[in-house]
Amino acid sequence: MTDSRELTDLKAPRDGLVPVIDRLQPLLAWCEAAAAAPEEPVSVDAERASSYRYSSRAYLVQLRTETAGTALIDPLAFPMPGTLTTMLRAREWVLHAAGQDLPSLAEIGLHPGSLFDTELAARLLGMERVGLGAVVEDTLGLRLAKEHSAADWSRRPLPEGWLSYAALDVEVLVEVRDVLIERLREAGKEEWARQEFEHERTREHGPTRSSSWRGLHGLGALRSAKQLAAAREMWTRRDEIAGAEDPPRTG
């Protein structure tokens, strides 16, 4: 994106702000609507309260398909039903910075069938800025509000402005994915991006920092999956050594 490109503010969800789902029946209704188009990917996001709570649990889960629209789910209200977990295991998830959200989502029983990580795709393409707002600007020419990203999502009830922000986080993820897929294809990186997404999907998710290797300088200059795997392994080994020599305090 050039500096002269005019941006359009993405201020509100296109279908209006939907109510938070804190009862089972509305969630089952959303699942039924999503099931009508099983080929559609699911945009996925989770809001935590990392600055306010020690745990990394999800306090709000956002899902969106083109057919079913957006669902804002309160995961504190009830266990995730089998109808939802089964449906999501059969779908492609589109997330931004999947390594941050997958552990929180796995904790409540939600696992992807396949994965597309828009942040990792941006890194592999060598984009200078890879935050969600920057990637949305670069790919779609839309300006995404990010003022509530560090909010205390454990509070109840959640303010309407926060919920609008949360809904916008999944509003255009699939559109962003479509642009990035084409760019990866043009760069000859589509297949090894797919391999990295699969690695992220299948690795054991827990309270680790194993995704931090993606911040390595020059990642976008790598030209093969083998080079990328070597960079990841070197970072992981270095992190293991550092952890052994200077273990974090636990109290």
C-alpha atoms as a PDB file:
ATOM      1  CA  MET A   1       0.000   0.000   0.000  1.00  0.00           C
ATOM      2  CA  THR A   2       1.340   3.426  -0.875  1.00  0.00           C
ATOM      3  CA  ASP A   3       1.044   6.470   1.359  1.00  0.00           C
ATOM      4  CA  SER A   4      -1.270   8.117  -1.177  1.00  0.00           C
ATOM      5  CA  ARG A   5      -3.856   5.355  -0.941  1.00  0.00           C
ATOM      6  CA  GLU A   6      -7.090   6.605   0.556  1.00  0.00           C
ATOM      7  CA  LEU A   7      -8.335   4.561   3.516  1.00  0.00           C
ATOM      8  CA  THR A   8     -11.961   3.963   4.451  1.00  0.00           C
ATOM      9  CA  ASP A   9     -12.778   3.716   8.154  1.00  0.00           C
ATOM     10  CA  LEU A  10     -14.398   0.442   9.157  1.00  0.00           C
ATOM     11  CA  LYS A  11     -16.527   1.789  11.991  1.00  0.00           C
ATOM     12  CA  ALA A  12     -19.327  -0.706  12.561  1.00  0.00           C
ATOM     13  CA  PRO A  13     -20.207  -4.300  11.652  1.00  0.00           C
ATOM     14  CA  ARG A  14     -21.932  -4.461   8.279  1.00  0.00           C
ATOM     15  CA  ASP A  15     -24.891  -6.427   9.694  1.00  0.00           C
ATOM     16  CA  GLY A  16     -25.173  -4.309  12.827  1.00  0.00           C
ATOM     17  CA  LEU A  17     -24.003  -5.277  16.303  1.00  0.00           C
ATOM     18  CA  VAL A  18     -25.304  -8.714  17.268  1.00  0.00           C
ATOM     19  CA  PRO A  19     -26.103  -9.539  20.903  1.00  0.00           C
ATOM     20  CA  VAL A  20     -23.674 -11.600  22.962  1.00  0.00           C
ATOM     21  CA  ILE A  21     -24.609 -15.278  22.962  1.00  0.00           C
ATOM     22  CA  ASP A  22     -24.860 -16.344  26.597  1.00  0.00           C
ATOM     23  CA  ARG A  23     -27.473 -19.060  26.136  1.00  0.00           C
ATOM     24  CA  LEU A  24     -27.149 -22.362  24.328  1.00  0.00           C
ATOM     25  CA  GLN A  25     -30.114 -22.067  21.951  1.00  0.00           C
ATOM     26  CA  PRO A  26     -28.900 -18.995  20.007  1.00  0.00           C
ATOM     27  CA  LEU A  27     -25.514 -20.650  19.545  1.00  0.00           C
ATOM     28  CA  LEU A  28     -27.126 -23.804  18.178  1.00  0.00           C
ATOM     29  CA  ALA A  29     -29.134 -21.625  15.801  1.00  0.00           C
ATOM     30  CA  TRP A  30     -25.906 -19.990  14.566  1.00  0.00           C
ATOM     31  CA  CYS A  31     -24.355 -23.441  14.064  1.00  0.00           C
ATOM     32  CA  GLU A  32     -27.369 -24.527  12.025  1.00  0.00           C
ATOM     33  CA  ALA A  33     -27.028 -21.464   9.795  1.00  0.00           C
ATOM     34  CA  ALA A  34     -23.291 -22.046   9.345  1.00  0.00           C
ATOM     35  CA  ALA A  35     -23.895 -25.702   8.494  1.00  0.00           C
ATOM     36  CA  ALA A  36     -25.878 -24.624   5.430  1.00  0.00           C
ATOM     37  CA  ALA A  37     -22.588 -23.690   3.720  1.00  0.00           C
ATOM     38  CA  PRO A  38     -20.019 -26.238   4.945  1.00  0.00           C
ATOM     39  CA  GLU A  39     -17.391 -25.104   2.421  1.00  0.00           C
ATOM     40  CA  GLU A  40     -17.098 -21.620   3.933  1.00  0.00           C
ATOM     41  CA  PRO A  41     -14.121 -20.813   6.180  1.00  0.00           C
ATOM     42  CA  VAL A  42     -14.721 -19.456   9.668  1.00  0.00           C
ATOM     43  CA  SER A  43     -13.156 -16.215  10.837  1.00  0.00           C
ATOM     44  CA  VAL A  44     -12.088 -16.745  14.440  1.00  0.00           C
ATOM     45  CA  ASP A  45     -10.812 -14.503  17.229  1.00  0.00           C
ATOM     46  CA  ALA A  46     -10.688 -14.549  21.011  1.00  0.00           C
ATOM     47  CA  GLU A  47     -10.432 -11.753  23.549  1.00  0.00           C
ATOM     48  CA  ARG A  48      -8.440 -12.290  26.717  1.00  0.00           C
ATOM     49  CA  ALA A  49      -7.599 -10.079  29.691  1.00  0.00           C
ATOM     50  CA  SER A  50      -3.846 -10.598  29.770  1.00  0.00           C
ATOM     51  CA  SER A  51      -3.122  -7.221  31.368  1.00  0.00           C
ATOM     52  CA  TYR A  52      -5.622  -7.871  34.163  1.00  0.00           C
ATOM     53  CA  ARG A  53      -5.714 -11.661  34.715  1.00  0.00           C
ATOM     54  CA  TYR A  54      -2.904 -14.176  35.128  1.00  0.00           C
ATOM     55  CA  SER A  55      -4.577 -16.807  32.962  1.00  0.00           C
ATOM     56  CA  SER A  56      -4.805 -16.652  29.178  1.00  0.00           C
ATOM     57  CA  ARG A  57      -8.391 -17.875  29.101  1.00  0.00           C
ATOM     58  CA  ALA A  58     -10.794 -16.560  26.482  1.00  0.00           C
ATOM     59  CA  TYR A  59     -13.475 -14.204  27.792  1.00  0.00           C
ATOM     60  CA  LEU A  60     -15.123 -13.640  24.427  1.00  0.00           C
ATOM     61  CA  VAL A  61     -15.018 -15.768  21.269  1.00  0.00           C
ATOM     62  CA  GLN A  62     -15.865 -14.259  17.889  1.00  0.00           C
ATOM     63  CA  LEU A  63     -16.865 -16.441  14.949  1.00  0.00           C
ATOM     64  CA  ARG A  64     -18.081 -15.431  11.503  1.00  0.00           C
ATOM     65  CA  THR A  65     -19.079 -17.143   8.288  1.00  0.00           C
ATOM     66  CA  GLU A  66     -20.536 -15.418   5.253  1.00  0.00           C
ATOM     67  CA  THR A  67     -23.800 -17.351   5.557  1.00  0.00           C
ATOM     68  CA  ALA A  68     -24.310 -17.323   9.337  1.00  0.00           C
ATOM     69  CA  GLY A  69     -22.863 -13.874  10.055  1.00  0.00           C
ATOM     70  CA  THR A  70     -21.055 -13.021  13.271  1.00  0.00           C
ATOM     71  CA  ALA A  71     -21.408 -14.767  16.620  1.00  0.00           C
ATOM     72  CA  LEU A  72     -20.088 -13.163  19.810  1.00  0.00           C
ATOM     73  CA  ILE A  73     -19.944 -15.982  22.350  1.00  0.00           C
ATOM     74  CA  ASP A  74     -19.531 -15.673  26.102  1.00  0.00           C
ATOM     75  CA  PRO A  75     -17.464 -18.786  26.941  1.00  0.00           C
ATOM     76  CA  LEU A  76     -18.085 -18.249  30.651  1.00  0.00           C
ATOM     77  CA  ALA A  77     -21.817 -18.859  30.235  1.00  0.00           C
ATOM     78  CA  PHE A  78     -21.752 -22.567  29.296  1.00  0.00           C
ATOM     79  CA  PRO A  79     -19.437 -25.304  27.992  1.00  0.00           C
ATOM     80  CA  MET A  80     -19.037 -25.262  24.233  1.00  0.00           C
ATOM     81  CA  PRO A  81     -21.581 -27.734  22.775  1.00  0.00           C
ATOM     82  CA  GLY A  82     -20.565 -30.692  20.650  1.00  0.00           C
ATOM     83  CA  THR A  83     -22.492 -29.254  17.698  1.00  0.00           C
ATOM     84  CA  LEU A  84     -20.084 -26.317  17.630  1.00  0.00           C
ATOM     85  CA  THR A  85     -16.882 -28.195  18.353  1.00  0.00           C
ATOM     86  CA  THR A  86     -17.635 -30.817  15.689  1.00  0.00           C
ATOM     87  CA  MET A  87     -18.507 -28.201  13.089  1.00  0.00           C
ATOM     88  CA  LEU A  88     -15.343 -26.197  13.763  1.00  0.00           C
ATOM     89  CA  ARG A  89     -13.107 -29.300  13.541  1.00  0.00           C
ATOM     90  CA  ALA A  90     -14.280 -29.711   9.941  1.00  0.00           C
ATOM     91  CA  ARG A  91     -13.650 -26.087   8.869  1.00  0.00           C
ATOM     92  CA  GLU A  92     -10.778 -23.898   7.830  1.00  0.00           C
ATOM     93  CA  TRP A  93     -10.159 -21.203  10.434  1.00  0.00           C
ATOM     94  CA  VAL A  94      -8.886 -17.782   9.453  1.00  0.00           C
ATOM     95  CA  LEU A  95      -7.131 -16.064  12.367  1.00  0.00           C
ATOM     96  CA  HIS A  96      -4.629 -13.289  12.871  1.00  0.00           C
ATOM     97  CA  ALA A  97      -1.683 -14.348  15.068  1.00  0.00           C
ATOM     98  CA  ALA A  98      -3.083 -17.846  15.575  1.00  0.00           C
ATOM     99  CA  GLY A  99      -0.425 -18.762  18.130  1.00  0.00           C
ATOM    100  CA  GLN A 100      -1.923 -16.241  20.545  1.00  0.00           C
ATOM    101  CA  ASP A 101      -5.509 -17.482  20.293  1.00  0.00           C
ATOM    102  CA  LEU A 102      -5.271 -21.228  19.678  1.00  0.00           C
ATOM    103  CA  PRO A 103      -4.210 -22.107  23.268  1.00  0.00           C
ATOM    104  CA  SER A 104      -7.167 -20.165  24.721  1.00  0.00           C
ATOM    105  CA  LEU A 105      -9.566 -21.744  22.256  1.00  0.00           C
ATOM    106  CA  ALA A 106      -8.190 -25.255  22.793  1.00  0.00           C
ATOM    107  CA  GLU A 107      -8.781 -24.751  26.513  1.00  0.00           C
ATOM    108  CA  ILE A 108     -12.529 -24.573  25.841  1.00  0.00           C
ATOM    109  CA  GLY A 109     -12.516 -27.449  23.369  1.00  0.00           C
ATOM    110  CA  LEU A 110     -12.343 -25.548  20.072  1.00  0.00           C
ATOM    111  CA  HIS A 111      -9.904 -26.882  17.458  1.00  0.00           C
ATOM    112  CA  PRO A 112      -9.529 -26.061  13.740  1.00  0.00           C
ATOM    113  CA  GLY A 113      -9.790 -28.474  10.847  1.00  0.00           C
ATOM    114  CA  SER A 114      -7.261 -26.395   8.931  1.00  0.00           C
ATOM    115  CA  LEU A 115      -5.750 -22.975   9.405  1.00  0.00           C
ATOM    116  CA  PHE A 116      -4.833 -19.747   7.653  1.00  0.00           C
ATOM    117  CA  ASP A 117      -2.884 -17.264   9.790  1.00  0.00           C
ATOM    118  CA  THR A 118      -3.025 -13.786   8.257  1.00  0.00           C
ATOM    119  CA  GLU A 119      -0.197 -12.511  10.478  1.00  0.00           C
ATOM    120  CA  LEU A 120       2.193 -15.302   9.500  1.00  0.00           C
ATOM    121  CA  ALA A 121       1.253 -14.857   5.850  1.00  0.00           C
ATOM    122  CA  ALA A 122       2.132 -11.168   6.147  1.00  0.00           C
ATOM    123  CA  ARG A 123       5.497 -12.038   7.715  1.00  0.00           C
ATOM    124  CA  LEU A 124       6.302 -14.548   5.002  1.00  0.00           C
ATOM    125  CA  LEU A 125       5.543 -11.873   2.418  1.00  0.00           C
ATOM    126  CA  GLY A 126       7.979  -9.493   4.109  1.00  0.00           C
ATOM    127  CA  MET A 127       5.367  -6.875   5.010  1.00  0.00           C
ATOM    128  CA  GLU A 128       6.833  -4.168   7.245  1.00  0.00           C
ATOM    129  CA  ARG A 129       3.820  -4.019   9.585  1.00  0.00           C
ATOM    130  CA  VAL A 130       1.975  -7.195  10.486  1.00  0.00           C
ATOM    131  CA  GLY A 131      -0.557  -6.135  13.119  1.00  0.00           C
ATOM    132  CA  LEU A 132      -4.153  -6.799  12.134  1.00  0.00           C
ATOM    133  CA  GLY A 133      -4.953  -3.135  11.527  1.00  0.00           C
ATOM    134  CA  ALA A 134      -1.908  -2.667   9.305  1.00  0.00           C
ATOM    135  CA  VAL A 135      -2.613  -5.830   7.298  1.00  0.00           C
ATOM    136  CA  VAL A 136      -6.256  -4.833   6.765  1.00  0.00           C
ATOM    137  CA  GLU A 137      -5.097  -1.420   5.547  1.00  0.00           C
ATOM    138  CA  ASP A 138      -2.542  -2.920   3.176  1.00  0.00           C
ATOM    139  CA  THR A 139      -4.805  -5.555   1.660  1.00  0.00           C
ATOM    140  CA  LEU A 140      -8.250  -3.919   1.655  1.00  0.00           C
ATOM    141  CA  GLY A 141      -7.670  -0.186   2.126  1.00  0.00           C
ATOM    142  CA  LEU A 142      -9.761  -0.195   5.309  1.00  0.00           C
ATOM    143  CA  ARG A 143      -8.839   1.413   8.628  1.00  0.00           C
ATOM    144  CA  LEU A 144      -9.730  -0.840  11.558  1.00  0.00           C
ATOM    145  CA  ALA A 145     -10.237   0.615  15.037  1.00  0.00           C
ATOM    146  CA  LYS A 146      -7.973  -1.047  17.639  1.00  0.00           C
ATOM    147  CA  GLU A 147      -8.556   1.065  20.738  1.00  0.00           C
ATOM    148  CA  HIS A 148      -9.918  -1.747  22.945  1.00  0.00           C
ATOM    149  CA  SER A 149      -7.244  -4.380  22.299  1.00  0.00           C
ATOM    150  CA  ALA A 150      -5.868  -4.169  25.873  1.00  0.00           C
ATOM    151  CA  ALA A 151      -9.240  -3.961  27.638  1.00  0.00           C
ATOM    152  CA  ASP A 152     -10.317  -6.090  30.601  1.00  0.00           C
ATOM    153  CA  TRP A 153     -12.515  -8.545  28.740  1.00  0.00           C
ATOM    154  CA  SER A 154     -13.314 -10.408  31.952  1.00  0.00           C
ATOM    155  CA  ARG A 155     -15.717  -7.672  33.070  1.00  0.00           C
ATOM    156  CA  ARG A 156     -19.454  -8.119  32.703  1.00  0.00           C
ATOM    157  CA  PRO A 157     -21.449  -6.751  31.065  1.00  0.00           C
ATOM    158  CA  LEU A 158     -19.141  -5.879  28.193  1.00  0.00           C
ATOM    159  CA  PRO A 159     -19.626  -2.324  26.876  1.00  0.00           C
ATOM    160  CA  GLU A 160     -21.227  -1.947  23.458  1.00  0.00           C
ATOM    161  CA  GLY A 161     -18.167  -0.184  22.049  1.00  0.00           C
ATOM    162  CA  TRP A 162     -15.978  -3.131  23.008  1.00  0.00           C
ATOM    163  CA  LEU A 163     -18.367  -5.580  21.367  1.00  0.00           C
ATOM    164  CA  SER A 164     -18.372  -3.576  18.142  1.00  0.00           C
ATOM    165  CA  TYR A 165     -14.559  -3.644  18.162  1.00  0.00           C
ATOM    166  CA  ALA A 166     -14.615  -7.417  18.753  1.00  0.00           C
ATOM    167  CA  ALA A 167     -17.062  -7.998  15.907  1.00  0.00           C
ATOM    168  CA  LEU A 168     -14.924  -5.962  13.514  1.00  0.00           C
ATOM    169  CA  ASP A 169     -11.929  -8.197  14.270  1.00  0.00           C
ATOM    170  CA  VAL A 170     -13.597 -11.026  12.311  1.00  0.00           C
ATOM    171  CA  GLU A 171     -15.511  -8.868   9.837  1.00  0.00           C
ATOM    172  CA  VAL A 172     -13.024  -8.938   6.960  1.00  0.00           C
ATOM    173  CA  LEU A 173     -10.557 -11.715   7.819  1.00  0.00           C
ATOM    174  CA  VAL A 174     -11.644 -13.959   4.953  1.00  0.00           C
ATOM    175  CA  GLU A 175     -11.312 -11.067   2.488  1.00  0.00           C
ATOM    176  CA  VAL A 176      -7.810 -10.409   3.823  1.00  0.00           C
ATOM    177  CA  ARG A 177      -6.995 -14.109   3.437  1.00  0.00           C
ATOM    178  CA  ASP A 178      -8.072 -14.060  -0.203  1.00  0.00           C
ATOM    179  CA  VAL A 179      -5.691 -11.187  -0.991  1.00  0.00           C
ATOM    180  CA  LEU A 180      -2.808 -12.782   0.908  1.00  0.00           C
ATOM    181  CA  ILE A 181      -3.307 -16.160  -0.783  1.00  0.00           C
ATOM    182  CA  GLU A 182      -2.895 -14.497  -4.162  1.00  0.00           C
ATOM    183  CA  ARG A 183       0.241 -12.664  -2.994  1.00  0.00           C
ATOM    184  CA  LEU A 184       1.723 -15.879  -1.590  1.00  0.00           C
ATOM    185  CA  ARG A 185       1.004 -17.617  -4.877  1.00  0.00           C
ATOM    186  CA  GLU A 186       2.690 -14.845  -6.856  1.00  0.00           C
ATOM    187  CA  ALA A 187       5.720 -15.005  -4.528  1.00  0.00           C
ATOM    188  CA  GLY A 188       6.003 -18.788  -4.857  1.00  0.00           C
ATOM    189  CA  LYS A 189       5.344 -19.201  -1.136  1.00  0.00           C
ATOM    190  CA  GLU A 190       1.833 -20.649  -1.066  1.00  0.00           C
ATOM    191  CA  GLU A 191       2.828 -24.255  -0.351  1.00  0.00           C
ATOM    192  CA  TRP A 192       5.317 -23.621   2.402  1.00  0.00           C
ATOM    193  CA  ALA A 193       2.940 -21.109   3.996  1.00  0.00           C
ATOM    194  CA  ARG A 194       0.403 -23.940   4.043  1.00  0.00           C
ATOM    195  CA  GLN A 195       2.993 -26.174   5.716  1.00  0.00           C
ATOM    196  CA  GLU A 196       3.639 -23.574   8.390  1.00  0.00           C
ATOM    197  CA  PHE A 197      -0.078 -23.157   9.033  1.00  0.00           C
ATOM    198  CA  GLU A 198      -0.358 -26.922   9.464  1.00  0.00           C
ATOM    199  CA  HIS A 199       2.605 -26.924  11.849  1.00  0.00           C
ATOM    200  CA  GLU A 200       0.863 -24.285  13.947  1.00  0.00           C
ATOM    201  CA  ARG A 201      -2.428 -26.175  13.895  1.00  0.00           C
ATOM    202  CA  THR A 202      -0.986 -29.503  15.008  1.00  0.00           C
ATOM    203  CA  ARG A 203       1.576 -28.436  17.590  1.00  0.00           C
ATOM    204  CA  GLU A 204       0.697 -28.846  21.242  1.00  0.00           C
ATOM    205  CA  HIS A 205      -0.650 -25.542  22.477  1.00  0.00           C
ATOM    206  CA  GLY A 206       0.126 -24.463  25.976  1.00  0.00           C
ATOM    207  CA  PRO A 207       1.479 -21.469  27.917  1.00  0.00           C
ATOM    208  CA  THR A 208       4.644 -21.191  25.814  1.00  0.00           C
ATOM    209  CA  ARG A 209       6.390 -18.532  23.779  1.00  0.00           C
ATOM    210  CA  SER A 210       7.016 -20.838  20.836  1.00  0.00           C
ATOM    211  CA  SER A 211       5.393 -18.480  18.321  1.00  0.00           C
ATOM    212  CA  SER A 212       7.808 -15.647  19.157  1.00  0.00           C
ATOM    213  CA  TRP A 213      10.281 -16.885  16.533  1.00  0.00           C
ATOM    214  CA  ARG A 214       8.000 -15.321  13.941  1.00  0.00           C
ATOM    215  CA  GLY A 215       9.287 -11.923  14.992  1.00  0.00           C
ATOM    216  CA  LEU A 216      12.750 -12.750  13.650  1.00  0.00           C
ATOM    217  CA  HIS A 217      14.143  -9.976  11.501  1.00  0.00           C
ATOM    218  CA  GLY A 218      14.318 -10.882   7.826  1.00  0.00           C
ATOM    219  CA  LEU A 219      11.742 -13.672   7.892  1.00  0.00           C
ATOM    220  CA  GLY A 220      10.196 -12.410   4.673  1.00  0.00           C
ATOM    221  CA  ALA A 221      13.534 -12.767   2.853  1.00  0.00           C
ATOM    222  CA  LEU A 222      13.588 -16.557   3.276  1.00  0.00           C
ATOM    223  CA  ARG A 223      12.886 -18.456   0.089  1.00  0.00           C
ATOM    224  CA  SER A 224      12.020 -22.022   1.114  1.00  0.00           C
ATOM    225  CA  ALA A 225      10.232 -24.057   3.737  1.00  0.00           C
ATOM    226  CA  LYS A 226      13.581 -25.630   4.668  1.00  0.00           C
ATOM    227  CA  GLN A 227      15.084 -22.231   5.479  1.00  0.00           C
ATOM    228  CA  LEU A 228      12.018 -21.316   7.512  1.00  0.00           C
ATOM    229  CA  ALA A 229      12.168 -24.565   9.481  1.00  0.00           C
ATOM    230  CA  ALA A 230      15.859 -23.983  10.222  1.00  0.00           C
ATOM    231  CA  ALA A 231      15.124 -20.468  11.497  1.00  0.00           C
ATOM    232  CA  ARG A 232      12.377 -21.795  13.741  1.00  0.00           C
ATOM    233  CA  GLU A 233      14.548 -24.570  15.152  1.00  0.00           C
ATOM    234  CA  MET A 234      17.472 -22.230  15.849  1.00  0.00           C
ATOM    235  CA  TRP A 235      15.195 -19.788  17.656  1.00  0.00           C
ATOM    236  CA  THR A 236      13.580 -22.602  19.663  1.00  0.00           C
ATOM    237  CA  ARG A 237      16.951 -24.028  20.709  1.00  0.00           C
ATOM    238  CA  ARG A 238      18.231 -20.607  21.701  1.00  0.00           C
ATOM    239  CA  ASP A 239      15.066 -20.044  23.752  1.00  0.00           C
ATOM    240  CA  GLU A 240      15.484 -23.409  25.496  1.00  0.00           C
ATOM    241  CA  ILE A 241      19.066 -22.573  26.454  1.00  0.00           C
ATOM    242  CA  ALA A 242      18.086 -19.147  27.739  1.00  0.00           C
ATOM    243  CA  GLY A 243      15.270 -20.630  29.767  1.00  0.00           C
ATOM    244  CA  ALA A 244      17.542 -23.234  31.333  1.00  0.00           C
ATOM    245  CA  GLU A 245      20.197 -20.676  32.306  1.00  0.00           C
ATOM    246  CA  ASP A 246      17.786 -18.023  33.586  1.00  0.00           C
ATOM    247  CA  PRO A 247      14.470 -19.669  34.493  1.00  0.00           C
ATOM    248  CA  PRO A 248      11.530 -17.303  35.062  1.00  0.00           C
ATOM    249  CA  ARG A 249      10.364 -16.625  38.605  1.00  0.00           C
ATOM    250  CA  THR A 250       7.203 -18.444  39.608  1.00  0.00           C
ATOM    251  CA  GLY A 251       6.292 -16.413  42.630  1.00  0.00           C
END
